[in-house]
Amino acid sequence: ETTFFNMLNLLQEIVNNLSHKDVKYII
């Protein structure tokens, strides 16, 4: 359970750190 919940926390950390920058040209 210690390992399992640590892995869940790591997954949550990955999600929180997701970042996407998108630049669109509006003609």
PDB file of all heavy atoms in Angstrom:
ATOM      1  N   GLU A   1       0.816  -1.204   0.000  1.00  0.00           N
ATOM      2  CA  GLU A   1       0.000   0.000   0.000  1.00  0.00           C
ATOM      3  C   GLU A   1       0.854   1.260   0.000  1.00  0.00           C
ATOM      4  O   GLU A   1       0.493   2.263  -0.623  1.00  0.00           O
ATOM      5  CB  GLU A   1      -0.948  -0.012   1.196  1.00  0.00           C
ATOM      6  CG  GLU A   1      -2.038  -1.073   1.081  1.00  0.00           C
ATOM      7  CD  GLU A   1      -3.088  -0.960   2.159  1.00  0.00           C
ATOM      8  OE1 GLU A   1      -2.826  -0.274   3.175  1.00  0.00           O
ATOM      9  OE2 GLU A   1      -4.174  -1.560   2.002  1.00  0.00           O
ATOM     10  N   THR A   2       1.994   1.207   0.678  1.00  0.00           N
ATOM     11  CA  THR A   2       2.903   2.356   0.665  1.00  0.00           C
ATOM     12  C   THR A   2       3.390   2.633  -0.748  1.00  0.00           C
ATOM     13  O   THR A   2       3.366   3.776  -1.226  1.00  0.00           O
ATOM     14  CB  THR A   2       4.107   2.102   1.595  1.00  0.00           C
ATOM     15  OG1 THR A   2       3.647   1.923   2.935  1.00  0.00           O
ATOM     16  CG2 THR A   2       5.081   3.273   1.544  1.00  0.00           C
ATOM     17  N   THR A   3       3.823   1.571  -1.437  1.00  0.00           N
ATOM     18  CA  THR A   3       4.292   1.722  -2.816  1.00  0.00           C
ATOM     19  C   THR A   3       3.158   2.165  -3.732  1.00  0.00           C
ATOM     20  O   THR A   3       3.328   3.062  -4.572  1.00  0.00           O
ATOM     21  CB  THR A   3       4.885   0.390  -3.332  1.00  0.00           C
ATOM     22  OG1 THR A   3       5.912  -0.045  -2.457  1.00  0.00           O
ATOM     23  CG2 THR A   3       5.448   0.556  -4.732  1.00  0.00           C
ATOM     24  N   PHE A   4       1.981   1.552  -3.569  1.00  0.00           N
ATOM     25  CA  PHE A   4       0.831   1.861  -4.429  1.00  0.00           C
ATOM     26  C   PHE A   4       0.438   3.331  -4.317  1.00  0.00           C
ATOM     27  O   PHE A   4       0.273   4.022  -5.331  1.00  0.00           O
ATOM     28  CB  PHE A   4      -0.341   0.953  -4.051  1.00  0.00           C
ATOM     29  CG  PHE A   4      -1.621   1.265  -4.766  1.00  0.00           C
ATOM     30  CD1 PHE A   4      -1.771   0.978  -6.118  1.00  0.00           C
ATOM     31  CD2 PHE A   4      -2.692   1.842  -4.080  1.00  0.00           C
ATOM     32  CE1 PHE A   4      -2.956   1.265  -6.781  1.00  0.00           C
ATOM     33  CE2 PHE A   4      -3.877   2.125  -4.739  1.00  0.00           C
ATOM     34  CZ  PHE A   4      -4.016   1.837  -6.083  1.00  0.00           C
ATOM     35  N   PHE A   5       0.289   3.823  -3.097  1.00  0.00           N
ATOM     36  CA  PHE A   5      -0.142   5.211  -2.924  1.00  0.00           C
ATOM     37  C   PHE A   5       0.966   6.202  -3.301  1.00  0.00           C
ATOM     38  O   PHE A   5       0.664   7.326  -3.730  1.00  0.00           O
ATOM     39  CB  PHE A   5      -0.630   5.441  -1.493  1.00  0.00           C
ATOM     40  CG  PHE A   5      -1.965   4.802  -1.213  1.00  0.00           C
ATOM     41  CD1 PHE A   5      -2.074   3.679  -0.406  1.00  0.00           C
ATOM     42  CD2 PHE A   5      -3.116   5.310  -1.797  1.00  0.00           C
ATOM     43  CE1 PHE A   5      -3.299   3.080  -0.168  1.00  0.00           C
ATOM     44  CE2 PHE A   5      -4.357   4.722  -1.567  1.00  0.00           C
ATOM     45  CZ  PHE A   5      -4.448   3.596  -0.752  1.00  0.00           C
ATOM     46  N   ASN A   6       2.208   5.801  -3.164  1.00  0.00           N
ATOM     47  CA  ASN A   6       3.300   6.646  -3.660  1.00  0.00           C
ATOM     48  C   ASN A   6       3.242   6.759  -5.182  1.00  0.00           C
ATOM     49  O   ASN A   6       3.500   7.835  -5.749  1.00  0.00           O
ATOM     50  CB  ASN A   6       4.652   6.077  -3.224  1.00  0.00           C
ATOM     51  CG  ASN A   6       4.963   6.363  -1.765  1.00  0.00           C
ATOM     52  OD1 ASN A   6       4.394   7.275  -1.164  1.00  0.00           O
ATOM     53  ND2 ASN A   6       5.868   5.587  -1.182  1.00  0.00           N
ATOM     54  N   MET A   7       2.905   5.652  -5.840  1.00  0.00           N
ATOM     55  CA  MET A   7       2.772   5.674  -7.305  1.00  0.00           C
ATOM     56  C   MET A   7       1.592   6.554  -7.727  1.00  0.00           C
ATOM     57  O   MET A   7       1.678   7.289  -8.728  1.00  0.00           O
ATOM     58  CB  MET A   7       2.597   4.250  -7.838  1.00  0.00           C
ATOM     59  CG  MET A   7       3.823   3.375  -7.646  1.00  0.00           C
ATOM     60  SD  MET A   7       3.549   1.658  -8.139  1.00  0.00           S
ATOM     61  CE  MET A   7       3.737   1.777  -9.919  1.00  0.00           C
ATOM     62  N   LEU A   8       0.490   6.500  -6.962  1.00  0.00           N
ATOM     63  CA  LEU A   8      -0.650   7.371  -7.267  1.00  0.00           C
ATOM     64  C   LEU A   8      -0.272   8.845  -7.100  1.00  0.00           C
ATOM     65  O   LEU A   8      -0.676   9.697  -7.903  1.00  0.00           O
ATOM     66  CB  LEU A   8      -1.835   7.039  -6.351  1.00  0.00           C
ATOM     67  CG  LEU A   8      -2.537   5.699  -6.560  1.00  0.00           C
ATOM     68  CD1 LEU A   8      -3.767   5.607  -5.654  1.00  0.00           C
ATOM     69  CD2 LEU A   8      -2.937   5.480  -8.008  1.00  0.00           C
ATOM     70  N   ASN A   9       0.500   9.133  -6.058  1.00  0.00           N
ATOM     71  CA  ASN A   9       0.957  10.513  -5.856  1.00  0.00           C
ATOM     72  C   ASN A   9       1.857  10.967  -6.995  1.00  0.00           C
ATOM     73  O   ASN A   9       1.782  12.122  -7.434  1.00  0.00           O
ATOM     74  CB  ASN A   9       1.704  10.624  -4.525  1.00  0.00           C
ATOM     75  CG  ASN A   9       0.784  10.516  -3.322  1.00  0.00           C
ATOM     76  OD1 ASN A   9      -0.402  10.825  -3.414  1.00  0.00           O
ATOM     77  ND2 ASN A   9       1.320  10.073  -2.195  1.00  0.00           N
ATOM     78  N   LEU A  10       2.698  10.053  -7.479  1.00  0.00           N
ATOM     79  CA  LEU A  10       3.575  10.382  -8.600  1.00  0.00           C
ATOM     80  C   LEU A  10       2.761  10.639  -9.864  1.00  0.00           C
ATOM     81  O   LEU A  10       3.062  11.575 -10.629  1.00  0.00           O
ATOM     82  CB  LEU A  10       4.567   9.242  -8.834  1.00  0.00           C
ATOM     83  CG  LEU A  10       5.587   9.438  -9.975  1.00  0.00           C
ATOM     84  CD1 LEU A  10       6.390  10.714  -9.759  1.00  0.00           C
ATOM     85  CD2 LEU A  10       6.508   8.227 -10.068  1.00  0.00           C
ATOM     86  N   LEU A  11       1.712   9.836 -10.078  1.00  0.00           N
ATOM     87  CA  LEU A  11       0.838  10.058 -11.232  1.00  0.00           C
ATOM     88  C   LEU A  11       0.164  11.420 -11.146  1.00  0.00           C
ATOM     89  O   LEU A  11       0.074  12.148 -12.148  1.00  0.00           O
ATOM     90  CB  LEU A  11      -0.210   8.947 -11.314  1.00  0.00           C
ATOM     91  CG  LEU A  11      -1.136   8.992 -12.529  1.00  0.00           C
ATOM     92  CD1 LEU A  11      -0.371   8.663 -13.804  1.00  0.00           C
ATOM     93  CD2 LEU A  11      -2.308   8.017 -12.366  1.00  0.00           C
ATOM     94  N   GLN A  12      -0.303  11.759  -9.947  1.00  0.00           N
ATOM     95  CA  GLN A  12      -0.932  13.062  -9.746  1.00  0.00           C
ATOM     96  C   GLN A  12       0.061  14.196  -9.985  1.00  0.00           C
ATOM     97  O   GLN A  12      -0.285  15.234 -10.567  1.00  0.00           O
ATOM     98  CB  GLN A  12      -1.495  13.153  -8.325  1.00  0.00           C
ATOM     99  CG  GLN A  12      -2.247  14.435  -8.021  1.00  0.00           C
ATOM    100  CD  GLN A  12      -3.466  14.596  -8.896  1.00  0.00           C
ATOM    101  OE1 GLN A  12      -4.248  13.675  -9.059  1.00  0.00           O
ATOM    102  NE2 GLN A  12      -3.625  15.775  -9.477  1.00  0.00           N
ATOM    103  N   GLU A  13       1.290  13.976  -9.579  1.00  0.00           N
ATOM    104  CA  GLU A  13       2.337  14.985  -9.793  1.00  0.00           C
ATOM    105  C   GLU A  13       2.606  15.180 -11.281  1.00  0.00           C
ATOM    106  O   GLU A  13       2.800  16.315 -11.740  1.00  0.00           O
ATOM    107  CB  GLU A  13       3.605  14.549  -9.066  1.00  0.00           C
ATOM    108  CG  GLU A  13       4.726  15.578  -9.104  1.00  0.00           C
ATOM    109  CD  GLU A  13       5.946  15.136  -8.322  1.00  0.00           C
ATOM    110  OE1 GLU A  13       5.802  14.263  -7.440  1.00  0.00           O
ATOM    111  OE2 GLU A  13       7.036  15.672  -8.600  1.00  0.00           O
ATOM    112  N   ILE A  14       2.628  14.076 -12.023  1.00  0.00           N
ATOM    113  CA  ILE A  14       2.829  14.168 -13.476  1.00  0.00           C
ATOM    114  C   ILE A  14       1.708  14.977 -14.123  1.00  0.00           C
ATOM    115  O   ILE A  14       1.951  15.838 -14.974  1.00  0.00           O
ATOM    116  CB  ILE A  14       2.905  12.756 -14.092  1.00  0.00           C
ATOM    117  CG1 ILE A  14       4.233  12.091 -13.724  1.00  0.00           C
ATOM    118  CG2 ILE A  14       2.755  12.804 -15.614  1.00  0.00           C
ATOM    119  CD1 ILE A  14       4.346  10.644 -14.173  1.00  0.00           C
ATOM    120  N   VAL A  15       0.467  14.697 -13.708  1.00  0.00           N
ATOM    121  CA  VAL A  15      -0.683  15.422 -14.259  1.00  0.00           C
ATOM    122  C   VAL A  15      -0.590  16.908 -13.916  1.00  0.00           C
ATOM    123  O   VAL A  15      -0.809  17.780 -14.775  1.00  0.00           O
ATOM    124  CB  VAL A  15      -2.002  14.820 -13.723  1.00  0.00           C
ATOM    125  CG1 VAL A  15      -3.187  15.701 -14.119  1.00  0.00           C
ATOM    126  CG2 VAL A  15      -2.197  13.411 -14.252  1.00  0.00           C
ATOM    127  N   ASN A  16      -0.265  17.221 -12.678  1.00  0.00           N
ATOM    128  CA  ASN A  16      -0.176  18.624 -12.253  1.00  0.00           C
ATOM    129  C   ASN A  16       0.911  19.384 -13.015  1.00  0.00           C
ATOM    130  O   ASN A  16       0.786  20.596 -13.226  1.00  0.00           O
ATOM    131  CB  ASN A  16       0.103  18.707 -10.754  1.00  0.00           C
ATOM    132  CG  ASN A  16      -1.071  18.218  -9.917  1.00  0.00           C
ATOM    133  OD1 ASN A  16      -2.207  18.192 -10.379  1.00  0.00           O
ATOM    134  ND2 ASN A  16      -0.805  17.836  -8.686  1.00  0.00           N
ATOM    135  N   ASN A  17       1.961  18.676 -13.416  1.00  0.00           N
ATOM    136  CA  ASN A  17       3.080  19.330 -14.092  1.00  0.00           C
ATOM    137  C   ASN A  17       2.924  19.387 -15.610  1.00  0.00           C
ATOM    138  O   ASN A  17       3.805  19.917 -16.303  1.00  0.00           O
ATOM    139  CB  ASN A  17       4.389  18.608 -13.751  1.00  0.00           C
ATOM    140  CG  ASN A  17       4.802  18.826 -12.306  1.00  0.00           C
ATOM    141  OD1 ASN A  17       4.469  19.845 -11.700  1.00  0.00           O
ATOM    142  ND2 ASN A  17       5.524  17.870 -11.738  1.00  0.00           N
ATOM    143  N   LEU A  18       1.837  18.830 -16.128  1.00  0.00           N
ATOM    144  CA  LEU A  18       1.610  18.911 -17.575  1.00  0.00           C
ATOM    145  C   LEU A  18       1.434  20.376 -17.989  1.00  0.00           C
ATOM    146  O   LEU A  18       0.754  21.151 -17.325  1.00  0.00           O
ATOM    147  CB  LEU A  18       0.359  18.121 -17.976  1.00  0.00           C
ATOM    148  CG  LEU A  18       0.473  16.596 -17.995  1.00  0.00           C
ATOM    149  CD1 LEU A  18      -0.891  15.971 -18.288  1.00  0.00           C
ATOM    150  CD2 LEU A  18       1.495  16.140 -19.040  1.00  0.00           C
ATOM    151  N   SER A  19       2.057  20.727 -19.096  1.00  0.00           N
ATOM    152  CA  SER A  19       1.961  22.096 -19.592  1.00  0.00           C
ATOM    153  C   SER A  19       2.042  22.086 -21.114  1.00  0.00           C
ATOM    154  O   SER A  19       2.850  21.366 -21.693  1.00  0.00           O
ATOM    155  CB  SER A  19       3.088  22.947 -19.007  1.00  0.00           C
ATOM    156  OG  SER A  19       3.037  24.262 -19.496  1.00  0.00           O
ATOM    157  N   HIS A  20       1.182  22.861 -21.732  1.00  0.00           N
ATOM    158  CA  HIS A  20       1.157  22.915 -23.197  1.00  0.00           C
ATOM    159  C   HIS A  20       0.994  24.363 -23.645  1.00  0.00           C
ATOM    160  O   HIS A  20       0.078  25.067 -23.204  1.00  0.00           O
ATOM    161  CB  HIS A  20       0.018  22.061 -23.747  1.00  0.00           C
ATOM    162  CG  HIS A  20      -0.095  22.101 -25.237  1.00  0.00           C
ATOM    163  ND1 HIS A  20       0.849  21.545 -26.081  1.00  0.00           N
ATOM    164  CD2 HIS A  20      -1.032  22.646 -26.056  1.00  0.00           C
ATOM    165  CE1 HIS A  20       0.492  21.725 -27.337  1.00  0.00           C
ATOM    166  NE2 HIS A  20      -0.639  22.399 -27.345  1.00  0.00           N
ATOM    167  N   LYS A  21       1.898  24.785 -24.517  1.00  0.00           N
ATOM    168  CA  LYS A  21       1.826  26.129 -25.093  1.00  0.00           C
ATOM    169  C   LYS A  21       1.488  26.003 -26.571  1.00  0.00           C
ATOM    170  O   LYS A  21       2.152  25.274 -27.308  1.00  0.00           O
ATOM    171  CB  LYS A  21       3.154  26.855 -24.915  1.00  0.00           C
ATOM    172  CG  LYS A  21       3.151  28.288 -25.451  1.00  0.00           C
ATOM    173  CD  LYS A  21       4.483  28.970 -25.201  1.00  0.00           C
ATOM    174  CE  LYS A  21       4.465  30.399 -25.722  1.00  0.00           C
ATOM    175  NZ  LYS A  21       5.757  31.094 -25.490  1.00  0.00           N
ATOM    176  N   ASP A  22       0.440  26.694 -26.983  1.00  0.00           N
ATOM    177  CA  ASP A  22      -0.032  26.597 -28.361  1.00  0.00           C
ATOM    178  C   ASP A  22      -0.186  28.013 -28.915  1.00  0.00           C
ATOM    179  O   ASP A  22      -0.815  28.869 -28.290  1.00  0.00           O
ATOM    180  CB  ASP A  22      -1.372  25.854 -28.392  1.00  0.00           C
ATOM    181  CG  ASP A  22      -1.718  25.345 -29.779  1.00  0.00           C
ATOM    182  OD1 ASP A  22      -0.861  25.455 -30.675  1.00  0.00           O
ATOM    183  OD2 ASP A  22      -2.837  24.831 -29.956  1.00  0.00           O
ATOM    184  N   VAL A  23       0.388  28.254 -30.097  1.00  0.00           N
ATOM    185  CA  VAL A  23       0.269  29.553 -30.756  1.00  0.00           C
ATOM    186  C   VAL A  23      -0.450  29.349 -32.086  1.00  0.00           C
ATOM    187  O   VAL A  23       0.005  28.587 -32.937  1.00  0.00           O
ATOM    188  CB  VAL A  23       1.643  30.203 -31.001  1.00  0.00           C
ATOM    189  CG1 VAL A  23       1.474  31.542 -31.713  1.00  0.00           C
ATOM    190  CG2 VAL A  23       2.386  30.386 -29.684  1.00  0.00           C
ATOM    191  N   LYS A  24      -1.581  30.023 -32.251  1.00  0.00           N
ATOM    192  CA  LYS A  24      -2.359  29.910 -33.483  1.00  0.00           C
ATOM    193  C   LYS A  24      -2.413  31.269 -34.182  1.00  0.00           C
ATOM    194  O   LYS A  24      -2.624  32.300 -33.545  1.00  0.00           O
ATOM    195  CB  LYS A  24      -3.770  29.405 -33.177  1.00  0.00           C
ATOM    196  CG  LYS A  24      -3.799  27.988 -32.619  1.00  0.00           C
ATOM    197  CD  LYS A  24      -5.212  27.500 -32.430  1.00  0.00           C
ATOM    198  CE  LYS A  24      -5.201  26.064 -31.915  1.00  0.00           C
ATOM    199  NZ  LYS A  24      -6.571  25.530 -31.749  1.00  0.00           N
ATOM    200  N   TYR A  25      -2.233  31.223 -35.477  1.00  0.00           N
ATOM    201  CA  TYR A  25      -2.269  32.465 -36.263  1.00  0.00           C
ATOM    202  C   TYR A  25      -3.686  32.690 -36.778  1.00  0.00           C
ATOM    203  O   TYR A  25      -4.236  31.862 -37.507  1.00  0.00           O
ATOM    204  CB  TYR A  25      -1.297  32.381 -37.435  1.00  0.00           C
ATOM    205  CG  TYR A  25      -1.288  33.632 -38.280  1.00  0.00           C
ATOM    206  CD1 TYR A  25      -0.787  34.825 -37.768  1.00  0.00           C
ATOM    207  CD2 TYR A  25      -1.775  33.607 -39.579  1.00  0.00           C
ATOM    208  CE1 TYR A  25      -0.783  35.963 -38.537  1.00  0.00           C
ATOM    209  CE2 TYR A  25      -1.769  34.753 -40.363  1.00  0.00           C
ATOM    210  CZ  TYR A  25      -1.275  35.941 -39.837  1.00  0.00           C
ATOM    211  OH  TYR A  25      -1.259  37.067 -40.603  1.00  0.00           O
ATOM    212  N   ILE A  26      -4.285  33.802 -36.387  1.00  0.00           N
ATOM    213  CA  ILE A  26      -5.635  34.146 -36.815  1.00  0.00           C
ATOM    214  C   ILE A  26      -5.523  35.069 -38.029  1.00  0.00           C
ATOM    215  O   ILE A  26      -5.157  36.244 -37.903  1.00  0.00           O
ATOM    216  CB  ILE A  26      -6.421  34.850 -35.688  1.00  0.00           C
ATOM    217  CG1 ILE A  26      -6.287  34.067 -34.377  1.00  0.00           C
ATOM    218  CG2 ILE A  26      -7.887  35.011 -36.074  1.00  0.00           C
ATOM    219  CD1 ILE A  26      -6.801  32.654 -34.445  1.00  0.00           C
ATOM    220  N   ILE A  27      -5.805  34.507 -39.200  1.00  0.00           N
ATOM    221  CA  ILE A  27      -5.606  35.270 -40.443  1.00  0.00           C
ATOM    222  C   ILE A  27      -6.522  36.482 -40.496  1.00  0.00           C
ATOM    223  O   ILE A  27      -6.100  37.594 -40.878  1.00  0.00           O
ATOM    224  CB  ILE A  27      -5.835  34.358 -41.664  1.00  0.00           C
ATOM    225  CG1 ILE A  27      -4.724  33.303 -41.728  1.00  0.00           C
ATOM    226  CG2 ILE A  27      -5.869  35.162 -42.960  1.00  0.00           C
ATOM    227  CD1 ILE A  27      -4.851  32.343 -42.879  1.00  0.00           C
TER     228      ILE A  27
END
